[in-house]
Amino acid sequence: MYNELTKGDLKKMQEEIDYRLSVVRPKLMEDLQAARAMGDLSENFEYKTAKRELGNCNSRIRYLQRMINTARIISERSAADAVGLYDRVEILSEGDDETEWIQLVTTLRQNVLQGLISRESPLGKALMGKKAGERVTVRVDDGSTYEVEIRTIEKGRDDGSVPINRF
């Protein structure tokens, strides 16, 4: 299994790993040592908290490293008149009277509440490579479908402003 990521995704993940290894992890190790020095570890809330935070940091580092190791680098480029990665797309859903703007991003950067839709989601897959004015059928995992019309495409690029997801 691999992750389809851009060079920008890989760079952002490596930056976070470097930051966690050089700044966050040493601080958490100091906190853990200070809490351990307080005495009885069985009832030491500070020790348990510091240990949990260090575990979370180490887990995040391992997660990011695994993502990098299993990445397949994809291009951000697409045809000038077709929907591609980082493009903003105005869509009209079947039965709606209002349009909505979404931006197609990699799964690592998706955030539905902010209109950042993964290119691997049912909607993202349906829109990729399509042109303004086209109606596309979106196939949802449960087998149902719905139609959307592509109204406008604003070409975009990865300017680094979309953060990678946290867990």
N, C-alpha and C. Protein backbone atom coordinates (compact mmCIF):
# COMPACT_ATOMS: atom_id res chain seq x y z
N MET A 1 0.85 -1.18 0.00
CA MET A 1 0.00 0.00 0.00
C MET A 1 0.88 1.24 0.00
N TYR A 2 0.53 2.20 -0.77
CA TYR A 2 1.29 3.43 -0.84
C TYR A 2 0.35 4.61 -0.67
N ASN A 3 0.95 5.75 -0.39
CA ASN A 3 0.21 6.99 -0.23
C ASN A 3 0.57 7.89 -1.40
N GLU A 4 -0.44 8.43 -2.06
CA GLU A 4 -0.20 9.34 -3.18
C GLU A 4 -0.05 10.75 -2.62
N LEU A 5 1.18 11.23 -2.64
CA LEU A 5 1.50 12.53 -2.05
C LEU A 5 2.34 13.35 -3.02
N THR A 6 2.31 14.65 -2.83
CA THR A 6 3.13 15.54 -3.64
C THR A 6 4.47 15.78 -2.95
N LYS A 7 5.39 16.38 -3.69
CA LYS A 7 6.68 16.74 -3.09
C LYS A 7 6.48 17.72 -1.94
N GLY A 8 5.47 18.60 -2.07
CA GLY A 8 5.16 19.54 -0.99
C GLY A 8 4.69 18.84 0.27
N ASP A 9 3.89 17.77 0.11
CA ASP A 9 3.45 16.98 1.26
C ASP A 9 4.65 16.37 1.97
N LEU A 10 5.54 15.78 1.20
CA LEU A 10 6.72 15.14 1.78
C LEU A 10 7.59 16.16 2.52
N LYS A 11 7.73 17.34 1.94
CA LYS A 11 8.53 18.38 2.58
C LYS A 11 7.91 18.81 3.91
N LYS A 12 6.59 19.01 3.92
CA LYS A 12 5.91 19.42 5.15
C LYS A 12 6.03 18.34 6.23
N MET A 13 5.90 17.08 5.84
CA MET A 13 6.03 16.00 6.82
C MET A 13 7.45 15.93 7.37
N GLN A 14 8.45 16.07 6.52
CA GLN A 14 9.83 16.02 6.99
C GLN A 14 10.13 17.19 7.92
N GLU A 15 9.58 18.37 7.60
CA GLU A 15 9.76 19.53 8.47
C GLU A 15 9.17 19.27 9.85
N GLU A 16 7.98 18.65 9.89
CA GLU A 16 7.38 18.35 11.19
C GLU A 16 8.20 17.32 11.95
N ILE A 17 8.70 16.30 11.27
CA ILE A 17 9.54 15.30 11.92
C ILE A 17 10.78 15.97 12.52
N ASP A 18 11.44 16.80 11.73
CA ASP A 18 12.65 17.49 12.19
C ASP A 18 12.35 18.36 13.40
N TYR A 19 11.23 19.08 13.36
CA TYR A 19 10.84 19.95 14.48
C TYR A 19 10.57 19.11 15.74
N ARG A 20 9.84 18.03 15.58
CA ARG A 20 9.54 17.18 16.73
C ARG A 20 10.80 16.56 17.32
N LEU A 21 11.74 16.15 16.48
CA LEU A 21 12.98 15.54 16.97
C LEU A 21 13.92 16.54 17.62
N SER A 22 13.95 17.76 17.10
CA SER A 22 14.91 18.74 17.62
C SER A 22 14.36 19.65 18.72
N VAL A 23 13.05 19.86 18.75
CA VAL A 23 12.47 20.79 19.72
C VAL A 23 11.50 20.11 20.68
N VAL A 24 10.48 19.49 20.14
CA VAL A 24 9.39 18.96 20.97
C VAL A 24 9.86 17.78 21.83
N ARG A 25 10.49 16.80 21.20
CA ARG A 25 10.88 15.59 21.93
C ARG A 25 11.88 15.89 23.06
N PRO A 26 12.93 16.70 22.83
CA PRO A 26 13.84 17.02 23.95
C PRO A 26 13.13 17.71 25.11
N LYS A 27 12.18 18.60 24.81
CA LYS A 27 11.41 19.28 25.87
C LYS A 27 10.58 18.27 26.65
N LEU A 28 9.95 17.34 25.94
CA LEU A 28 9.15 16.32 26.60
C LEU A 28 10.01 15.39 27.44
N MET A 29 11.21 15.09 26.99
CA MET A 29 12.14 14.26 27.77
C MET A 29 12.52 14.98 29.07
N GLU A 30 12.76 16.30 28.98
CA GLU A 30 13.07 17.08 30.19
C GLU A 30 11.89 17.06 31.16
N ASP A 31 10.67 17.24 30.64
CA ASP A 31 9.47 17.20 31.47
C ASP A 31 9.34 15.85 32.17
N LEU A 32 9.61 14.79 31.43
CA LEU A 32 9.51 13.45 32.00
C LEU A 32 10.54 13.26 33.12
N GLN A 33 11.77 13.71 32.89
CA GLN A 33 12.81 13.59 33.92
C GLN A 33 12.45 14.39 35.17
N ALA A 34 11.92 15.59 34.97
CA ALA A 34 11.52 16.42 36.11
C ALA A 34 10.38 15.77 36.89
N ALA A 35 9.42 15.20 36.18
CA ALA A 35 8.29 14.54 36.85
C ALA A 35 8.75 13.29 37.58
N ARG A 36 9.70 12.56 36.99
CA ARG A 36 10.22 11.35 37.63
C ARG A 36 10.93 11.69 38.94
N ALA A 37 11.57 12.84 38.98
CA ALA A 37 12.30 13.26 40.18
C ALA A 37 11.38 13.64 41.33
N MET A 38 10.09 13.78 41.06
CA MET A 38 9.14 14.18 42.12
C MET A 38 8.82 13.06 43.09
N GLY A 39 9.22 11.85 42.79
CA GLY A 39 9.01 10.77 43.75
C GLY A 39 8.12 9.66 43.25
N ASP A 40 7.22 9.19 44.10
CA ASP A 40 6.36 8.03 43.84
C ASP A 40 5.69 8.12 42.47
N LEU A 41 6.04 7.19 41.59
CA LEU A 41 5.53 7.23 40.22
C LEU A 41 4.11 6.69 40.10
N SER A 42 3.67 5.89 41.05
CA SER A 42 2.34 5.29 40.96
C SER A 42 1.22 6.31 41.09
N GLU A 43 1.46 7.40 41.80
CA GLU A 43 0.43 8.42 41.98
C GLU A 43 0.90 9.79 41.48
N ASN A 44 1.83 9.79 40.55
CA ASN A 44 2.43 11.01 40.06
C ASN A 44 1.75 11.39 38.74
N PHE A 45 0.78 12.30 38.82
CA PHE A 45 0.03 12.73 37.64
C PHE A 45 0.94 13.37 36.60
N GLU A 46 1.89 14.19 37.03
CA GLU A 46 2.80 14.86 36.11
C GLU A 46 3.61 13.84 35.32
N TYR A 47 4.05 12.78 35.99
CA TYR A 47 4.83 11.74 35.32
C TYR A 47 3.98 11.03 34.26
N LYS A 48 2.77 10.66 34.63
CA LYS A 48 1.89 9.96 33.69
C LYS A 48 1.57 10.84 32.48
N THR A 49 1.33 12.12 32.73
CA THR A 49 1.03 13.05 31.64
C THR A 49 2.24 13.23 30.73
N ALA A 50 3.41 13.41 31.31
CA ALA A 50 4.63 13.59 30.51
C ALA A 50 4.92 12.33 29.68
N LYS A 51 4.70 11.18 30.28
CA LYS A 51 4.94 9.92 29.57
C LYS A 51 3.96 9.77 28.39
N ARG A 52 2.70 10.13 28.62
CA ARG A 52 1.69 10.05 27.56
C ARG A 52 2.02 11.02 26.42
N GLU A 53 2.42 12.25 26.75
CA GLU A 53 2.77 13.24 25.73
C GLU A 53 3.98 12.79 24.92
N LEU A 54 4.97 12.21 25.57
CA LEU A 54 6.14 11.70 24.86
C LEU A 54 5.73 10.56 23.93
N GLY A 55 4.85 9.70 24.39
CA GLY A 55 4.35 8.61 23.55
C GLY A 55 3.60 9.13 22.34
N ASN A 56 2.79 10.17 22.53
CA ASN A 56 2.06 10.78 21.41
C ASN A 56 3.03 11.38 20.39
N CYS A 57 4.07 12.03 20.87
CA CYS A 57 5.06 12.63 19.98
C CYS A 57 5.78 11.54 19.18
N ASN A 58 6.21 10.49 19.85
CA ASN A 58 6.90 9.39 19.17
C ASN A 58 5.98 8.71 18.16
N SER A 59 4.72 8.57 18.51
CA SER A 59 3.75 7.96 17.61
C SER A 59 3.57 8.81 16.35
N ARG A 60 3.49 10.13 16.52
CA ARG A 60 3.34 11.03 15.38
C ARG A 60 4.57 10.95 14.47
N ILE A 61 5.76 10.89 15.05
CA ILE A 61 6.98 10.77 14.26
C ILE A 61 6.96 9.48 13.44
N ARG A 62 6.58 8.36 14.08
CA ARG A 62 6.52 7.08 13.37
C ARG A 62 5.49 7.12 12.25
N TYR A 63 4.33 7.73 12.52
CA TYR A 63 3.27 7.86 11.51
C TYR A 63 3.77 8.63 10.29
N LEU A 64 4.39 9.78 10.52
CA LEU A 64 4.88 10.61 9.42
C LEU A 64 5.99 9.88 8.65
N GLN A 65 6.88 9.21 9.36
CA GLN A 65 7.95 8.48 8.69
C GLN A 65 7.39 7.35 7.83
N ARG A 66 6.37 6.66 8.33
CA ARG A 66 5.72 5.59 7.56
C ARG A 66 5.05 6.16 6.32
N MET A 67 4.42 7.32 6.45
CA MET A 67 3.79 7.97 5.29
C MET A 67 4.84 8.31 4.23
N ILE A 68 5.97 8.83 4.66
CA ILE A 68 7.04 9.18 3.72
C ILE A 68 7.58 7.93 3.05
N ASN A 69 7.80 6.89 3.84
CA ASN A 69 8.40 5.66 3.30
C ASN A 69 7.50 4.95 2.30
N THR A 70 6.18 5.12 2.43
CA THR A 70 5.25 4.42 1.54
C THR A 70 4.66 5.34 0.48
N ALA A 71 5.23 6.53 0.34
CA ALA A 71 4.67 7.52 -0.59
C ALA A 71 5.00 7.20 -2.04
N ARG A 72 4.02 7.47 -2.86
CA ARG A 72 4.22 7.50 -4.31
C ARG A 72 4.01 8.96 -4.71
N ILE A 73 5.02 9.56 -5.29
CA ILE A 73 4.95 10.98 -5.61
C ILE A 73 4.09 11.19 -6.84
N ILE A 74 3.13 12.11 -6.70
CA ILE A 74 2.24 12.43 -7.80
C ILE A 74 2.46 13.88 -8.22
N SER A 75 2.07 14.20 -9.42
CA SER A 75 2.23 15.54 -9.96
C SER A 75 1.03 16.40 -9.60
N GLU A 76 1.28 17.68 -9.44
CA GLU A 76 0.20 18.63 -9.20
C GLU A 76 -0.38 19.14 -10.50
N ARG A 77 0.29 18.88 -11.59
CA ARG A 77 -0.10 19.44 -12.88
C ARG A 77 -1.31 18.74 -13.45
N SER A 78 -2.10 19.53 -14.16
CA SER A 78 -3.26 19.01 -14.88
C SER A 78 -3.47 19.88 -16.11
N ALA A 79 -4.35 19.43 -16.98
CA ALA A 79 -4.65 20.21 -18.18
C ALA A 79 -5.18 21.59 -17.77
N ALA A 80 -4.93 22.57 -18.60
CA ALA A 80 -5.31 23.95 -18.29
C ALA A 80 -6.81 24.13 -18.11
N ASP A 81 -7.62 23.29 -18.75
CA ASP A 81 -9.07 23.45 -18.66
C ASP A 81 -9.76 22.32 -17.89
N ALA A 82 -8.98 21.49 -17.20
CA ALA A 82 -9.55 20.35 -16.47
C ALA A 82 -9.25 20.46 -14.98
N VAL A 83 -10.08 19.83 -14.18
CA VAL A 83 -9.92 19.82 -12.72
C VAL A 83 -8.69 19.00 -12.36
N GLY A 84 -7.84 19.58 -11.51
CA GLY A 84 -6.65 18.89 -11.04
C GLY A 84 -6.40 19.19 -9.57
N LEU A 85 -5.31 18.67 -9.08
CA LEU A 85 -4.93 18.84 -7.68
C LEU A 85 -4.70 20.31 -7.35
N TYR A 86 -5.23 20.75 -6.23
CA TYR A 86 -5.17 22.11 -5.68
C TYR A 86 -6.04 23.11 -6.43
N ASP A 87 -6.82 22.67 -7.40
CA ASP A 87 -7.74 23.57 -8.08
C ASP A 87 -8.96 23.81 -7.20
N ARG A 88 -9.49 25.02 -7.28
CA ARG A 88 -10.76 25.35 -6.62
C ARG A 88 -11.85 25.14 -7.65
N VAL A 89 -12.91 24.46 -7.23
CA VAL A 89 -13.97 24.09 -8.16
C VAL A 89 -15.31 24.53 -7.58
N GLU A 90 -16.08 25.22 -8.39
CA GLU A 90 -17.44 25.59 -8.01
C GLU A 90 -18.36 24.51 -8.57
N ILE A 91 -19.13 23.88 -7.67
CA ILE A 91 -20.02 22.80 -8.10
C ILE A 91 -21.45 23.09 -7.67
N LEU A 92 -22.37 22.54 -8.43
CA LEU A 92 -23.79 22.61 -8.12
C LEU A 92 -24.27 21.17 -7.99
N SER A 93 -24.75 20.82 -6.79
CA SER A 93 -25.24 19.46 -6.57
C SER A 93 -26.67 19.34 -7.06
N GLU A 94 -27.00 18.16 -7.53
CA GLU A 94 -28.34 17.88 -8.05
C GLU A 94 -29.39 18.24 -6.98
N GLY A 95 -30.38 19.02 -7.35
CA GLY A 95 -31.45 19.39 -6.43
C GLY A 95 -31.17 20.63 -5.61
N ASP A 96 -29.95 21.17 -5.65
CA ASP A 96 -29.62 22.38 -4.89
C ASP A 96 -29.78 23.61 -5.77
N ASP A 97 -30.05 24.73 -5.13
CA ASP A 97 -30.12 25.99 -5.85
C ASP A 97 -28.87 26.82 -5.60
N GLU A 98 -27.98 26.31 -4.73
CA GLU A 98 -26.78 27.06 -4.39
C GLU A 98 -25.54 26.28 -4.82
N THR A 99 -24.53 27.04 -5.25
CA THR A 99 -23.27 26.40 -5.59
C THR A 99 -22.37 26.38 -4.36
N GLU A 100 -21.34 25.55 -4.43
CA GLU A 100 -20.37 25.50 -3.34
C GLU A 100 -18.98 25.39 -3.94
N TRP A 101 -18.02 26.00 -3.26
CA TRP A 101 -16.63 25.96 -3.70
C TRP A 101 -15.89 24.92 -2.88
N ILE A 102 -15.12 24.08 -3.57
CA ILE A 102 -14.26 23.11 -2.90
C ILE A 102 -12.87 23.20 -3.52
N GLN A 103 -11.90 22.68 -2.82
CA GLN A 103 -10.55 22.59 -3.36
C GLN A 103 -10.10 21.15 -3.24
N LEU A 104 -9.55 20.60 -4.31
CA LEU A 104 -9.07 19.22 -4.30
C LEU A 104 -7.64 19.19 -3.78
N VAL A 105 -7.41 18.36 -2.78
CA VAL A 105 -6.10 18.24 -2.13
C VAL A 105 -5.76 16.76 -1.96
N THR A 106 -4.56 16.49 -1.49
CA THR A 106 -4.20 15.11 -1.17
C THR A 106 -4.90 14.70 0.12
N THR A 107 -5.01 13.41 0.35
CA THR A 107 -5.69 12.91 1.54
C THR A 107 -5.06 13.44 2.81
N LEU A 108 -3.77 13.65 2.79
CA LEU A 108 -3.04 14.13 3.95
C LEU A 108 -3.49 15.53 4.38
N ARG A 109 -4.10 16.28 3.47
CA ARG A 109 -4.50 17.66 3.77
C ARG A 109 -6.00 17.89 3.76
N GLN A 110 -6.79 16.86 3.64
CA GLN A 110 -8.24 17.04 3.54
C GLN A 110 -8.83 17.61 4.83
N ASN A 111 -9.85 18.43 4.67
CA ASN A 111 -10.61 18.97 5.79
C ASN A 111 -11.96 19.41 5.21
N VAL A 112 -12.93 18.53 5.30
CA VAL A 112 -14.23 18.76 4.67
C VAL A 112 -14.89 20.04 5.18
N LEU A 113 -14.73 20.35 6.45
CA LEU A 113 -15.36 21.54 7.01
C LEU A 113 -14.82 22.83 6.40
N GLN A 114 -13.60 22.78 5.87
CA GLN A 114 -13.01 23.95 5.22
C GLN A 114 -13.09 23.85 3.70
N GLY A 115 -13.79 22.85 3.19
CA GLY A 115 -13.95 22.69 1.74
C GLY A 115 -12.74 22.07 1.07
N LEU A 116 -11.87 21.44 1.84
CA LEU A 116 -10.69 20.77 1.29
C LEU A 116 -11.03 19.30 1.12
N ILE A 117 -11.25 18.89 -0.12
CA ILE A 117 -11.74 17.55 -0.43
C ILE A 117 -10.61 16.72 -1.02
N SER A 118 -10.46 15.50 -0.50
CA SER A 118 -9.42 14.60 -0.99
C SER A 118 -9.68 14.20 -2.43
N ARG A 119 -8.62 14.16 -3.22
CA ARG A 119 -8.73 13.71 -4.60
C ARG A 119 -9.09 12.23 -4.65
N GLU A 120 -8.93 11.51 -3.54
CA GLU A 120 -9.23 10.09 -3.49
C GLU A 120 -10.64 9.81 -2.98
N SER A 121 -11.36 10.85 -2.57
CA SER A 121 -12.74 10.69 -2.10
C SER A 121 -13.64 10.44 -3.31
N PRO A 122 -14.85 9.95 -3.10
CA PRO A 122 -15.75 9.75 -4.24
C PRO A 122 -15.95 11.02 -5.08
N LEU A 123 -16.14 12.16 -4.41
CA LEU A 123 -16.32 13.42 -5.14
C LEU A 123 -15.04 13.80 -5.86
N GLY A 124 -13.90 13.68 -5.20
CA GLY A 124 -12.63 14.02 -5.81
C GLY A 124 -12.33 13.18 -7.03
N LYS A 125 -12.57 11.86 -6.93
CA LYS A 125 -12.34 10.96 -8.06
C LYS A 125 -13.23 11.34 -9.25
N ALA A 126 -14.48 11.70 -8.95
CA ALA A 126 -15.42 12.03 -10.02
C ALA A 126 -15.03 13.33 -10.73
N LEU A 127 -14.47 14.28 -9.99
CA LEU A 127 -14.14 15.58 -10.57
C LEU A 127 -12.80 15.63 -11.30
N MET A 128 -11.84 14.84 -10.87
CA MET A 128 -10.49 14.89 -11.46
C MET A 128 -10.53 14.69 -12.97
N GLY A 129 -9.92 15.63 -13.69
CA GLY A 129 -9.82 15.53 -15.14
C GLY A 129 -11.03 16.03 -15.91
N LYS A 130 -12.08 16.41 -15.20
CA LYS A 130 -13.30 16.90 -15.87
C LYS A 130 -13.19 18.39 -16.14
N LYS A 131 -14.09 18.90 -16.98
CA LYS A 131 -14.05 20.31 -17.41
C LYS A 131 -15.29 21.06 -16.95
N ALA A 132 -15.19 22.38 -16.94
CA ALA A 132 -16.32 23.24 -16.56
C ALA A 132 -17.49 22.97 -17.50
N GLY A 133 -18.69 22.92 -16.94
CA GLY A 133 -19.89 22.66 -17.72
C GLY A 133 -20.30 21.19 -17.72
N GLU A 134 -19.39 20.31 -17.35
CA GLU A 134 -19.72 18.88 -17.34
C GLU A 134 -20.53 18.51 -16.11
N ARG A 135 -21.41 17.53 -16.30
CA ARG A 135 -22.14 16.91 -15.19
C ARG A 135 -21.46 15.58 -14.93
N VAL A 136 -21.17 15.32 -13.66
CA VAL A 136 -20.50 14.07 -13.33
C VAL A 136 -21.31 13.31 -12.29
N THR A 137 -21.20 12.00 -12.34
CA THR A 137 -21.87 11.13 -11.38
C THR A 137 -20.86 10.75 -10.31
N VAL A 138 -21.24 10.98 -9.06
CA VAL A 138 -20.40 10.64 -7.92
C VAL A 138 -20.93 9.33 -7.34
N ARG A 139 -20.09 8.32 -7.30
CA ARG A 139 -20.46 7.01 -6.75
C ARG A 139 -19.95 6.91 -5.32
N VAL A 140 -20.88 6.81 -4.38
CA VAL A 140 -20.55 6.72 -2.97
C VAL A 140 -20.29 5.26 -2.61
N ASP A 141 -19.53 5.03 -1.55
CA ASP A 141 -19.12 3.69 -1.15
C ASP A 141 -20.27 2.71 -0.98
N ASP A 142 -21.42 3.18 -0.55
CA ASP A 142 -22.55 2.26 -0.32
C ASP A 142 -23.28 1.90 -1.61
N GLY A 143 -22.79 2.39 -2.75
CA GLY A 143 -23.38 2.06 -4.04
C GLY A 143 -24.33 3.12 -4.58
N SER A 144 -24.69 4.08 -3.75
CA SER A 144 -25.59 5.12 -4.23
C SER A 144 -24.80 6.15 -5.06
N THR A 145 -25.52 6.95 -5.81
CA THR A 145 -24.89 7.95 -6.66
C THR A 145 -25.62 9.28 -6.55
N TYR A 146 -24.94 10.34 -6.94
CA TYR A 146 -25.57 11.64 -7.08
C TYR A 146 -24.82 12.41 -8.17
N GLU A 147 -25.47 13.42 -8.71
CA GLU A 147 -24.91 14.20 -9.81
C GLU A 147 -24.47 15.57 -9.32
N VAL A 148 -23.35 16.05 -9.87
CA VAL A 148 -22.92 17.42 -9.65
C VAL A 148 -22.53 18.02 -10.99
N GLU A 149 -22.70 19.31 -11.08
CA GLU A 149 -22.30 20.03 -12.29
C GLU A 149 -21.12 20.93 -11.93
N ILE A 150 -20.10 20.90 -12.76
CA ILE A 150 -18.93 21.74 -12.55
C ILE A 150 -19.22 23.10 -13.18
N ARG A 151 -19.28 24.12 -12.37
CA ARG A 151 -19.59 25.46 -12.85
C ARG A 151 -18.32 26.22 -13.26
N THR A 152 -17.33 26.25 -12.37
CA THR A 152 -16.13 27.04 -12.60
C THR A 152 -14.92 26.28 -12.06
N ILE A 153 -13.79 26.45 -12.73
CA ILE A 153 -12.53 25.88 -12.25
C ILE A 153 -11.53 27.01 -12.12
N GLU A 154 -10.96 27.18 -10.94
CA GLU A 154 -9.88 28.14 -10.72
C GLU A 154 -8.62 27.32 -10.49
N LYS A 155 -7.67 27.43 -11.41
CA LYS A 155 -6.44 26.67 -11.30
C LYS A 155 -5.68 27.07 -10.04
N GLY A 156 -5.13 26.09 -9.37
CA GLY A 156 -4.40 26.34 -8.14
C GLY A 156 -3.07 25.61 -8.13
N ARG A 157 -2.33 25.84 -7.08
CA ARG A 157 -1.06 25.16 -6.88
C ARG A 157 -0.82 25.05 -5.38
N ASP A 158 0.12 24.21 -5.02
CA ASP A 158 0.45 24.04 -3.60
C ASP A 158 1.35 25.18 -3.17
N ASP A 159 0.76 26.16 -2.49
CA ASP A 159 1.54 27.30 -2.02
C ASP A 159 2.00 27.10 -0.57
N GLY A 160 1.71 25.92 -0.01
CA GLY A 160 2.13 25.61 1.35
C GLY A 160 1.17 26.08 2.41
N SER A 161 0.09 26.72 2.04
CA SER A 161 -0.83 27.28 3.03
C SER A 161 -1.78 26.24 3.63
N VAL A 162 -1.96 25.12 2.96
CA VAL A 162 -2.86 24.08 3.47
C VAL A 162 -2.03 23.14 4.34
N PRO A 163 -2.32 23.11 5.66
CA PRO A 163 -1.51 22.28 6.56
C PRO A 163 -1.80 20.78 6.39
N ILE A 164 -0.86 19.96 6.86
CA ILE A 164 -1.11 18.53 6.88
C ILE A 164 -1.96 18.22 8.11
N ASN A 165 -2.71 17.13 8.03
CA ASN A 165 -3.62 16.76 9.12
C ASN A 165 -2.87 16.33 10.37
N ARG A 166 -3.50 16.55 11.49
CA ARG A 166 -3.03 16.06 12.79
C ARG A 166 -3.95 14.92 13.18
N PHE A 167 -3.52 14.14 14.12
CA PHE A 167 -4.43 13.10 14.65
C PHE A 167 -4.58 13.28 16.13
